N, C-alpha and C. Protein backbone atom coordinates (compact mmCIF):
# COMPACT_ATOMS: atom_id res chain seq x y z
N UNK A 1 0.80 -1.21 0.00
CA UNK A 1 0.00 0.00 0.00
C UNK A 1 0.84 1.26 0.00
N UNK A 2 2.05 1.20 0.54
CA UNK A 2 2.92 2.38 0.55
C UNK A 2 3.28 2.78 -0.87
N UNK A 3 3.52 1.79 -1.76
CA UNK A 3 3.84 2.11 -3.14
C UNK A 3 2.64 2.74 -3.84
N UNK A 4 1.45 2.22 -3.58
CA UNK A 4 0.24 2.78 -4.18
C UNK A 4 0.03 4.22 -3.72
N UNK A 5 0.18 4.45 -2.43
CA UNK A 5 0.01 5.81 -1.91
C UNK A 5 1.03 6.75 -2.54
N UNK A 6 2.24 6.29 -2.67
CA UNK A 6 3.29 7.10 -3.29
C UNK A 6 2.96 7.41 -4.75
N UNK A 7 2.51 6.41 -5.49
CA UNK A 7 2.11 6.62 -6.88
C UNK A 7 0.94 7.59 -6.98
N UNK A 8 -0.01 7.45 -6.08
CA UNK A 8 -1.17 8.33 -6.11
C UNK A 8 -0.75 9.77 -5.83
N UNK A 9 0.03 9.98 -4.80
CA UNK A 9 0.47 11.34 -4.47
C UNK A 9 1.27 11.97 -5.60
N UNK A 10 2.07 11.15 -6.26
CA UNK A 10 2.96 11.67 -7.30
C UNK A 10 2.23 11.93 -8.62
N UNK A 11 1.26 11.07 -8.97
CA UNK A 11 0.70 11.12 -10.32
C UNK A 11 -0.79 11.43 -10.42
N UNK A 12 -1.51 11.52 -9.33
CA UNK A 12 -2.96 11.73 -9.41
C UNK A 12 -3.32 13.02 -10.12
N UNK A 13 -2.59 14.10 -9.86
CA UNK A 13 -2.94 15.37 -10.51
C UNK A 13 -2.69 15.30 -12.01
N UNK A 14 -1.65 14.61 -12.44
CA UNK A 14 -1.37 14.46 -13.88
C UNK A 14 -2.46 13.61 -14.53
N UNK A 15 -2.86 12.54 -13.87
CA UNK A 15 -3.93 11.69 -14.40
C UNK A 15 -5.23 12.50 -14.46
N UNK A 16 -5.47 13.33 -13.47
CA UNK A 16 -6.68 14.15 -13.46
C UNK A 16 -6.68 15.14 -14.63
N UNK A 17 -5.55 15.81 -14.88
CA UNK A 17 -5.48 16.76 -15.99
C UNK A 17 -5.74 16.04 -17.32
N UNK A 18 -5.14 14.87 -17.47
CA UNK A 18 -5.35 14.08 -18.68
C UNK A 18 -6.82 13.69 -18.81
N UNK A 19 -7.41 13.25 -17.72
CA UNK A 19 -8.82 12.85 -17.73
C UNK A 19 -9.72 14.03 -18.05
N UNK A 20 -9.40 15.21 -17.52
CA UNK A 20 -10.18 16.42 -17.83
C UNK A 20 -10.12 16.70 -19.32
N UNK A 21 -8.95 16.56 -19.89
CA UNK A 21 -8.81 16.78 -21.32
C UNK A 21 -9.60 15.78 -22.14
N UNK A 22 -9.64 14.55 -21.70
CA UNK A 22 -10.40 13.53 -22.42
C UNK A 22 -11.90 13.75 -22.28
N UNK A 23 -12.34 13.97 -21.05
CA UNK A 23 -13.77 14.03 -20.76
C UNK A 23 -14.37 15.41 -20.99
N UNK A 24 -13.62 16.43 -20.63
CA UNK A 24 -14.15 17.78 -20.71
C UNK A 24 -15.01 18.17 -19.52
N UNK A 25 -15.13 17.28 -18.55
CA UNK A 25 -15.96 17.56 -17.37
C UNK A 25 -15.21 17.16 -16.11
N UNK A 26 -15.22 18.02 -15.13
CA UNK A 26 -14.48 17.79 -13.89
C UNK A 26 -14.96 16.53 -13.16
N UNK A 27 -16.28 16.37 -13.04
CA UNK A 27 -16.82 15.24 -12.30
C UNK A 27 -16.47 13.91 -12.97
N UNK A 28 -16.58 13.88 -14.28
CA UNK A 28 -16.24 12.66 -15.01
C UNK A 28 -14.75 12.37 -14.89
N UNK A 29 -13.94 13.42 -14.89
CA UNK A 29 -12.49 13.25 -14.75
C UNK A 29 -12.15 12.69 -13.38
N UNK A 30 -12.84 13.18 -12.34
CA UNK A 30 -12.60 12.65 -11.00
C UNK A 30 -12.95 11.17 -10.93
N UNK A 31 -14.06 10.80 -11.56
CA UNK A 31 -14.45 9.39 -11.60
C UNK A 31 -13.41 8.56 -12.36
N UNK A 32 -12.87 9.13 -13.43
CA UNK A 32 -11.88 8.42 -14.22
C UNK A 32 -10.58 8.21 -13.44
N UNK A 33 -10.20 9.19 -12.64
CA UNK A 33 -9.00 9.02 -11.80
C UNK A 33 -9.24 7.90 -10.79
N UNK A 34 -10.41 7.90 -10.18
CA UNK A 34 -10.75 6.84 -9.23
C UNK A 34 -10.70 5.47 -9.91
N UNK A 35 -11.30 5.39 -11.09
CA UNK A 35 -11.31 4.13 -11.83
C UNK A 35 -9.90 3.69 -12.19
N UNK A 36 -9.04 4.64 -12.56
CA UNK A 36 -7.66 4.32 -12.92
C UNK A 36 -6.92 3.69 -11.75
N UNK A 37 -7.01 4.31 -10.59
CA UNK A 37 -6.29 3.77 -9.44
C UNK A 37 -6.95 2.50 -8.90
N UNK A 38 -8.26 2.38 -9.07
CA UNK A 38 -8.94 1.14 -8.70
C UNK A 38 -8.42 -0.01 -9.57
N UNK A 39 -8.31 0.26 -10.89
CA UNK A 39 -7.78 -0.78 -11.78
C UNK A 39 -6.34 -1.11 -11.45
N UNK A 40 -5.59 -0.11 -11.05
CA UNK A 40 -4.20 -0.35 -10.66
C UNK A 40 -4.14 -1.32 -9.48
N UNK A 41 -4.99 -1.10 -8.48
CA UNK A 41 -5.00 -1.94 -7.29
C UNK A 41 -5.50 -3.34 -7.60
N UNK A 42 -6.55 -3.44 -8.41
CA UNK A 42 -7.19 -4.74 -8.60
C UNK A 42 -6.63 -5.57 -9.74
N UNK A 43 -5.97 -4.93 -10.71
CA UNK A 43 -5.58 -5.69 -11.90
C UNK A 43 -4.11 -5.62 -12.25
N UNK A 44 -3.42 -4.62 -11.80
CA UNK A 44 -2.08 -4.37 -12.31
C UNK A 44 -1.02 -5.25 -11.65
N UNK A 45 -0.09 -5.67 -12.46
CA UNK A 45 1.09 -6.30 -11.87
C UNK A 45 1.95 -5.19 -11.27
N UNK A 46 3.02 -5.54 -10.68
CA UNK A 46 3.92 -4.54 -10.11
C UNK A 46 4.45 -3.67 -11.25
N UNK A 47 4.37 -2.36 -11.11
CA UNK A 47 4.84 -1.49 -12.19
C UNK A 47 6.10 -0.76 -11.75
N UNK A 48 6.91 -0.44 -12.72
CA UNK A 48 8.15 0.29 -12.46
C UNK A 48 7.82 1.76 -12.26
N UNK A 49 8.42 2.38 -11.28
CA UNK A 49 8.13 3.78 -11.01
C UNK A 49 8.60 4.69 -12.13
N UNK A 50 9.59 4.27 -12.90
CA UNK A 50 10.08 5.10 -14.01
C UNK A 50 9.04 5.22 -15.12
N UNK A 51 8.21 4.20 -15.29
CA UNK A 51 7.20 4.23 -16.35
C UNK A 51 5.79 4.33 -15.78
N UNK A 52 5.66 4.64 -14.53
CA UNK A 52 4.36 4.64 -13.88
C UNK A 52 3.39 5.64 -14.50
N UNK A 53 3.85 6.86 -14.80
CA UNK A 53 2.94 7.86 -15.33
C UNK A 53 2.38 7.42 -16.68
N UNK A 54 3.23 6.95 -17.58
CA UNK A 54 2.75 6.49 -18.89
C UNK A 54 1.76 5.34 -18.72
N UNK A 55 2.06 4.42 -17.79
CA UNK A 55 1.16 3.30 -17.54
C UNK A 55 -0.19 3.79 -17.01
N UNK A 56 -0.16 4.70 -16.04
CA UNK A 56 -1.40 5.21 -15.46
C UNK A 56 -2.24 5.97 -16.50
N UNK A 57 -1.57 6.73 -17.34
CA UNK A 57 -2.30 7.47 -18.38
C UNK A 57 -2.91 6.51 -19.40
N UNK A 58 -2.22 5.43 -19.70
CA UNK A 58 -2.78 4.42 -20.61
C UNK A 58 -3.99 3.75 -19.96
N UNK A 59 -3.91 3.46 -18.67
CA UNK A 59 -5.04 2.87 -17.94
C UNK A 59 -6.22 3.85 -17.94
N UNK A 60 -5.94 5.13 -17.71
CA UNK A 60 -7.01 6.14 -17.71
C UNK A 60 -7.67 6.22 -19.07
N UNK A 61 -6.88 6.19 -20.12
CA UNK A 61 -7.43 6.24 -21.48
C UNK A 61 -8.29 5.01 -21.75
N UNK A 62 -7.81 3.85 -21.37
CA UNK A 62 -8.59 2.63 -21.57
C UNK A 62 -9.90 2.67 -20.78
N UNK A 63 -9.85 3.18 -19.57
CA UNK A 63 -11.07 3.31 -18.76
C UNK A 63 -12.04 4.29 -19.42
N UNK A 64 -11.50 5.37 -19.97
CA UNK A 64 -12.33 6.36 -20.68
C UNK A 64 -13.01 5.71 -21.88
N UNK A 65 -12.24 4.98 -22.68
CA UNK A 65 -12.81 4.33 -23.86
C UNK A 65 -13.84 3.28 -23.48
N UNK A 66 -13.60 2.55 -22.41
CA UNK A 66 -14.59 1.57 -21.92
C UNK A 66 -15.88 2.28 -21.52
N UNK A 67 -15.73 3.42 -20.86
CA UNK A 67 -16.90 4.20 -20.47
C UNK A 67 -17.68 4.71 -21.67
N UNK A 68 -16.98 5.13 -22.71
CA UNK A 68 -17.66 5.58 -23.93
C UNK A 68 -18.49 4.46 -24.54
N UNK A 69 -17.90 3.30 -24.61
CA UNK A 69 -18.63 2.16 -25.18
C UNK A 69 -19.84 1.80 -24.32
N UNK A 70 -19.68 1.88 -23.01
CA UNK A 70 -20.74 1.51 -22.08
C UNK A 70 -21.87 2.54 -22.09
N UNK A 71 -21.53 3.80 -22.31
CA UNK A 71 -22.52 4.88 -22.14
C UNK A 71 -23.02 5.47 -23.45
N UNK A 72 -22.90 4.76 -24.54
CA UNK A 72 -23.31 5.31 -25.84
C UNK A 72 -24.77 5.73 -25.88
N UNK A 73 -25.61 5.05 -25.13
CA UNK A 73 -27.04 5.36 -25.18
C UNK A 73 -27.48 6.41 -24.18
N UNK A 74 -26.59 6.84 -23.32
CA UNK A 74 -26.96 7.83 -22.33
C UNK A 74 -26.97 9.23 -22.93
N UNK A 75 -27.87 10.05 -22.43
CA UNK A 75 -27.95 11.44 -22.84
C UNK A 75 -27.63 12.28 -21.62
N UNK A 76 -26.66 13.21 -21.73
CA UNK A 76 -26.31 14.01 -20.56
C UNK A 76 -27.44 14.96 -20.15
N UNK A 77 -27.63 15.09 -18.86
CA UNK A 77 -28.60 16.03 -18.33
C UNK A 77 -27.98 17.42 -18.29
N UNK A 78 -28.79 18.42 -18.55
CA UNK A 78 -28.28 19.78 -18.47
C UNK A 78 -28.64 20.35 -17.12
N UNK A 79 -27.72 21.11 -16.60
CA UNK A 79 -27.97 21.78 -15.34
C UNK A 79 -27.98 23.28 -15.59
N UNK A 80 -29.03 23.93 -15.17
CA UNK A 80 -29.14 25.37 -15.38
C UNK A 80 -28.71 26.14 -14.15
N UNK A 81 -27.82 25.54 -13.37
CA UNK A 81 -27.34 26.19 -12.17
C UNK A 81 -26.02 26.89 -12.46
N UNK A 82 -25.95 28.16 -12.22
CA UNK A 82 -24.67 28.84 -12.43
C UNK A 82 -23.67 28.41 -11.37
N UNK A 83 -22.41 28.34 -11.77
CA UNK A 83 -21.39 27.97 -10.79
C UNK A 83 -21.07 29.17 -9.91
N UNK A 84 -20.74 28.89 -8.68
CA UNK A 84 -20.40 29.95 -7.75
C UNK A 84 -18.98 30.40 -8.01
N UNK A 85 -18.80 31.68 -8.16
CA UNK A 85 -17.48 32.24 -8.40
C UNK A 85 -17.41 33.55 -7.61
N UNK A 86 -16.43 33.70 -6.73
CA UNK A 86 -16.37 34.90 -5.91
C UNK A 86 -16.18 36.18 -6.71
N UNK A 87 -15.58 36.11 -7.90
CA UNK A 87 -15.36 37.29 -8.72
C UNK A 87 -15.62 36.95 -10.18
N UNK A 88 -16.88 36.78 -10.56
CA UNK A 88 -17.18 36.31 -11.91
C UNK A 88 -16.76 37.29 -13.01
N UNK A 89 -16.82 38.57 -12.74
CA UNK A 89 -16.47 39.54 -13.78
C UNK A 89 -15.00 39.44 -14.16
N UNK A 90 -14.14 39.20 -13.19
CA UNK A 90 -12.70 39.13 -13.46
C UNK A 90 -12.32 37.87 -14.22
N UNK A 91 -13.12 36.81 -14.12
CA UNK A 91 -12.77 35.54 -14.75
C UNK A 91 -13.60 35.21 -15.98
N UNK A 92 -14.49 36.09 -16.36
CA UNK A 92 -15.42 35.78 -17.44
C UNK A 92 -14.70 35.53 -18.77
N UNK A 93 -13.81 36.42 -19.18
CA UNK A 93 -13.10 36.24 -20.44
C UNK A 93 -12.23 35.00 -20.40
N UNK A 94 -11.55 34.80 -19.28
CA UNK A 94 -10.69 33.64 -19.14
C UNK A 94 -11.50 32.35 -19.24
N UNK A 95 -12.63 32.33 -18.60
CA UNK A 95 -13.48 31.15 -18.61
C UNK A 95 -14.06 30.90 -19.99
N UNK A 96 -14.45 31.97 -20.68
CA UNK A 96 -15.01 31.83 -22.03
C UNK A 96 -13.96 31.25 -22.97
N UNK A 97 -12.73 31.73 -22.85
CA UNK A 97 -11.64 31.22 -23.69
C UNK A 97 -11.37 29.75 -23.36
N UNK A 98 -11.32 29.43 -22.08
CA UNK A 98 -11.10 28.05 -21.67
C UNK A 98 -12.21 27.14 -22.20
N UNK A 99 -13.45 27.59 -22.12
CA UNK A 99 -14.57 26.80 -22.64
C UNK A 99 -14.43 26.56 -24.15
N UNK A 100 -14.00 27.59 -24.87
CA UNK A 100 -13.82 27.44 -26.31
C UNK A 100 -12.68 26.47 -26.63
N UNK A 101 -11.60 26.56 -25.87
CA UNK A 101 -10.48 25.65 -26.08
C UNK A 101 -10.90 24.22 -25.74
N UNK A 102 -11.61 24.03 -24.64
CA UNK A 102 -12.07 22.69 -24.26
C UNK A 102 -13.03 22.13 -25.30
N UNK A 103 -13.91 22.98 -25.85
CA UNK A 103 -14.83 22.51 -26.88
C UNK A 103 -14.06 22.12 -28.13
N UNK A 104 -13.09 22.94 -28.51
CA UNK A 104 -12.28 22.62 -29.69
C UNK A 104 -11.50 21.33 -29.46
N UNK A 105 -11.03 21.13 -28.25
CA UNK A 105 -10.31 19.90 -27.90
C UNK A 105 -11.25 18.71 -28.01
N UNK A 106 -12.49 18.85 -27.56
CA UNK A 106 -13.46 17.76 -27.64
C UNK A 106 -13.83 17.44 -29.08
N UNK A 107 -13.70 18.41 -29.99
CA UNK A 107 -14.03 18.18 -31.39
C UNK A 107 -12.96 17.36 -32.12
N UNK A 108 -11.78 17.24 -31.52
CA UNK A 108 -10.73 16.40 -32.10
C UNK A 108 -11.12 14.93 -31.94
N UNK A 109 -10.57 14.08 -32.78
CA UNK A 109 -10.80 12.65 -32.59
C UNK A 109 -10.17 12.22 -31.27
N UNK A 110 -10.65 11.14 -30.71
CA UNK A 110 -10.13 10.69 -29.41
C UNK A 110 -8.64 10.40 -29.50
N UNK A 111 -8.20 9.78 -30.57
CA UNK A 111 -6.79 9.44 -30.73
C UNK A 111 -5.91 10.68 -30.79
N UNK A 112 -6.34 11.68 -31.55
CA UNK A 112 -5.57 12.93 -31.64
C UNK A 112 -5.58 13.66 -30.31
N UNK A 113 -6.74 13.71 -29.66
CA UNK A 113 -6.86 14.40 -28.37
C UNK A 113 -5.96 13.73 -27.33
N UNK A 114 -5.98 12.41 -27.28
CA UNK A 114 -5.15 11.69 -26.32
C UNK A 114 -3.67 11.96 -26.58
N UNK A 115 -3.28 11.86 -27.84
CA UNK A 115 -1.87 12.07 -28.19
C UNK A 115 -1.43 13.48 -27.83
N UNK A 116 -2.24 14.47 -28.15
CA UNK A 116 -1.89 15.86 -27.85
C UNK A 116 -1.78 16.10 -26.35
N UNK A 117 -2.72 15.59 -25.59
CA UNK A 117 -2.68 15.77 -24.14
C UNK A 117 -1.48 15.08 -23.51
N UNK A 118 -1.18 13.89 -23.97
CA UNK A 118 -0.03 13.16 -23.43
C UNK A 118 1.26 13.90 -23.73
N UNK A 119 1.39 14.42 -24.94
CA UNK A 119 2.62 15.09 -25.35
C UNK A 119 2.75 16.49 -24.75
N UNK A 120 1.69 17.28 -24.85
CA UNK A 120 1.77 18.69 -24.45
C UNK A 120 1.53 18.89 -22.96
N UNK A 121 0.44 18.33 -22.46
CA UNK A 121 0.10 18.58 -21.06
C UNK A 121 0.97 17.78 -20.10
N UNK A 122 1.36 16.58 -20.52
CA UNK A 122 2.13 15.71 -19.64
C UNK A 122 3.60 15.61 -20.03
N UNK A 123 3.97 16.28 -21.11
CA UNK A 123 5.36 16.36 -21.55
C UNK A 123 6.01 14.98 -21.71
N UNK A 124 5.21 14.02 -22.21
CA UNK A 124 5.76 12.70 -22.45
C UNK A 124 6.53 12.70 -23.76
N UNK A 125 7.53 11.86 -23.85
CA UNK A 125 8.26 11.70 -25.11
C UNK A 125 7.32 11.03 -26.11
N UNK A 126 7.69 11.15 -27.39
CA UNK A 126 6.87 10.49 -28.40
C UNK A 126 6.88 8.98 -28.21
N UNK A 127 7.97 8.45 -27.70
CA UNK A 127 8.04 7.02 -27.43
C UNK A 127 7.02 6.62 -26.35
N UNK A 128 6.92 7.44 -25.29
CA UNK A 128 5.95 7.16 -24.23
C UNK A 128 4.52 7.37 -24.71
N UNK A 129 4.31 8.37 -25.56
CA UNK A 129 2.98 8.60 -26.14
C UNK A 129 2.59 7.37 -26.97
N UNK A 130 3.52 6.91 -27.79
CA UNK A 130 3.25 5.73 -28.61
C UNK A 130 2.93 4.51 -27.75
N UNK A 131 3.68 4.33 -26.67
CA UNK A 131 3.43 3.19 -25.78
C UNK A 131 2.06 3.31 -25.12
N UNK A 132 1.72 4.51 -24.67
CA UNK A 132 0.44 4.70 -24.00
C UNK A 132 -0.73 4.49 -24.95
N UNK A 133 -0.55 4.83 -26.23
CA UNK A 133 -1.62 4.70 -27.20
C UNK A 133 -1.55 3.38 -27.98
N UNK A 134 -0.53 2.58 -27.67
CA UNK A 134 -0.34 1.30 -28.34
C UNK A 134 -0.24 1.48 -29.85
N UNK A 135 0.68 2.36 -30.25
CA UNK A 135 0.90 2.65 -31.67
C UNK A 135 2.39 2.87 -31.90
N UNK A 136 2.76 3.21 -33.10
CA UNK A 136 4.16 3.46 -33.42
C UNK A 136 4.53 4.90 -33.07
N UNK A 137 5.83 5.15 -32.97
CA UNK A 137 6.31 6.50 -32.68
C UNK A 137 5.92 7.44 -33.82
N UNK A 138 6.04 6.97 -35.04
CA UNK A 138 5.66 7.80 -36.19
C UNK A 138 4.19 8.17 -36.16
N UNK A 139 3.35 7.21 -35.84
CA UNK A 139 1.91 7.48 -35.76
C UNK A 139 1.60 8.45 -34.63
N UNK A 140 2.32 8.33 -33.52
CA UNK A 140 2.12 9.27 -32.40
C UNK A 140 2.49 10.69 -32.83
N UNK A 141 3.60 10.83 -33.54
CA UNK A 141 4.02 12.15 -34.03
C UNK A 141 2.97 12.74 -34.97
N UNK A 142 2.45 11.92 -35.86
CA UNK A 142 1.43 12.39 -36.80
C UNK A 142 0.17 12.83 -36.05
N UNK A 143 -0.26 12.03 -35.08
CA UNK A 143 -1.46 12.39 -34.32
C UNK A 143 -1.29 13.72 -33.59
N UNK A 144 -0.14 13.91 -32.97
CA UNK A 144 0.12 15.16 -32.25
C UNK A 144 0.14 16.34 -33.22
N UNK A 145 0.81 16.16 -34.34
CA UNK A 145 0.90 17.24 -35.33
C UNK A 145 -0.48 17.61 -35.87
N UNK A 146 -1.25 16.60 -36.25
CA UNK A 146 -2.60 16.86 -36.78
C UNK A 146 -3.49 17.51 -35.72
N UNK A 147 -3.36 17.05 -34.49
CA UNK A 147 -4.18 17.62 -33.42
C UNK A 147 -3.84 19.09 -33.22
N UNK A 148 -2.55 19.42 -33.24
CA UNK A 148 -2.15 20.83 -33.09
C UNK A 148 -2.71 21.68 -34.21
N UNK A 149 -2.60 21.19 -35.44
CA UNK A 149 -3.12 21.95 -36.58
C UNK A 149 -4.63 22.14 -36.49
N UNK A 150 -5.34 21.06 -36.19
CA UNK A 150 -6.81 21.14 -36.13
C UNK A 150 -7.28 22.02 -34.97
N UNK A 151 -6.59 21.93 -33.85
CA UNK A 151 -6.95 22.76 -32.70
C UNK A 151 -6.71 24.23 -33.02
N UNK A 152 -5.56 24.54 -33.59
CA UNK A 152 -5.25 25.93 -33.94
C UNK A 152 -6.25 26.46 -34.96
N UNK A 153 -6.60 25.65 -35.95
CA UNK A 153 -7.57 26.06 -36.97
C UNK A 153 -8.95 26.31 -36.35
N UNK A 154 -9.38 25.40 -35.48
CA UNK A 154 -10.69 25.54 -34.84
C UNK A 154 -10.75 26.80 -33.99
N UNK A 155 -9.68 27.06 -33.25
CA UNK A 155 -9.66 28.25 -32.39
C UNK A 155 -9.60 29.52 -33.22
N UNK A 156 -8.88 29.48 -34.33
CA UNK A 156 -8.81 30.65 -35.21
C UNK A 156 -10.19 30.95 -35.80
N UNK A 157 -10.91 29.91 -36.22
CA UNK A 157 -12.27 30.10 -36.76
C UNK A 157 -13.20 30.68 -35.71
N UNK A 158 -13.00 30.33 -34.46
CA UNK A 158 -13.83 30.85 -33.38
C UNK A 158 -13.39 32.23 -32.92
N UNK A 159 -12.25 32.68 -33.43
CA UNK A 159 -11.75 33.99 -33.07
C UNK A 159 -11.08 34.03 -31.70
N UNK A 160 -10.61 32.88 -31.25
CA UNK A 160 -9.94 32.81 -29.96
C UNK A 160 -8.50 33.26 -30.14
N UNK A 161 -8.10 34.25 -29.37
CA UNK A 161 -6.75 34.80 -29.44
C UNK A 161 -5.77 33.81 -28.82
N UNK A 162 -4.68 33.56 -29.52
CA UNK A 162 -3.62 32.68 -29.03
C UNK A 162 -2.59 33.53 -28.29
N UNK A 163 -2.67 33.54 -26.97
CA UNK A 163 -1.79 34.38 -26.16
C UNK A 163 -0.33 34.04 -26.36
N UNK A 164 -0.02 32.77 -26.60
CA UNK A 164 1.38 32.37 -26.77
C UNK A 164 1.96 32.98 -28.03
N UNK A 165 1.16 33.07 -29.09
CA UNK A 165 1.64 33.66 -30.35
C UNK A 165 1.63 35.17 -30.31
N UNK A 166 0.64 35.76 -29.66
CA UNK A 166 0.50 37.21 -29.69
C UNK A 166 1.57 37.92 -28.89
N UNK A 167 2.21 37.22 -27.92
CA UNK A 167 3.25 37.84 -27.12
C UNK A 167 4.60 37.77 -27.81
N UNK A 168 4.73 36.94 -28.83
CA UNK A 168 6.04 36.73 -29.49
C UNK A 168 6.41 37.88 -30.39
């Protein structure tokens, strides 16, 4: 249990960020993190700490895909409750931009979205991305490249300002 606790403390936030990117919803991402570590406890052989993050992200992705297959017939309920924010005026533009980026990210194919999140958000090597997605290094590079292009194009069409480019 000490190894599990250590892995959880070290990698749970990274798995959560990846899950958020896949799901687009905080609650679903939290469930996915729980499912990932549950699968680790119940199914995983002993894993090496050097490759633990890539392994956990692959488990999270597989759990996400299993959930998609299981929930194809479900329709999400809408909630008309505004979220509580102590200073909504100060965060409105930031939140609107984040929502647009998250929507554009959700419009990518699952494979491209996973590859982009693994490479950019988690700073994994292309070799680790390929291992996590069970594909070749070349295919991982192509997925990341296409995802970047499609995301940039989608955001440009929506008129979302790219702060990283505008400051250069």
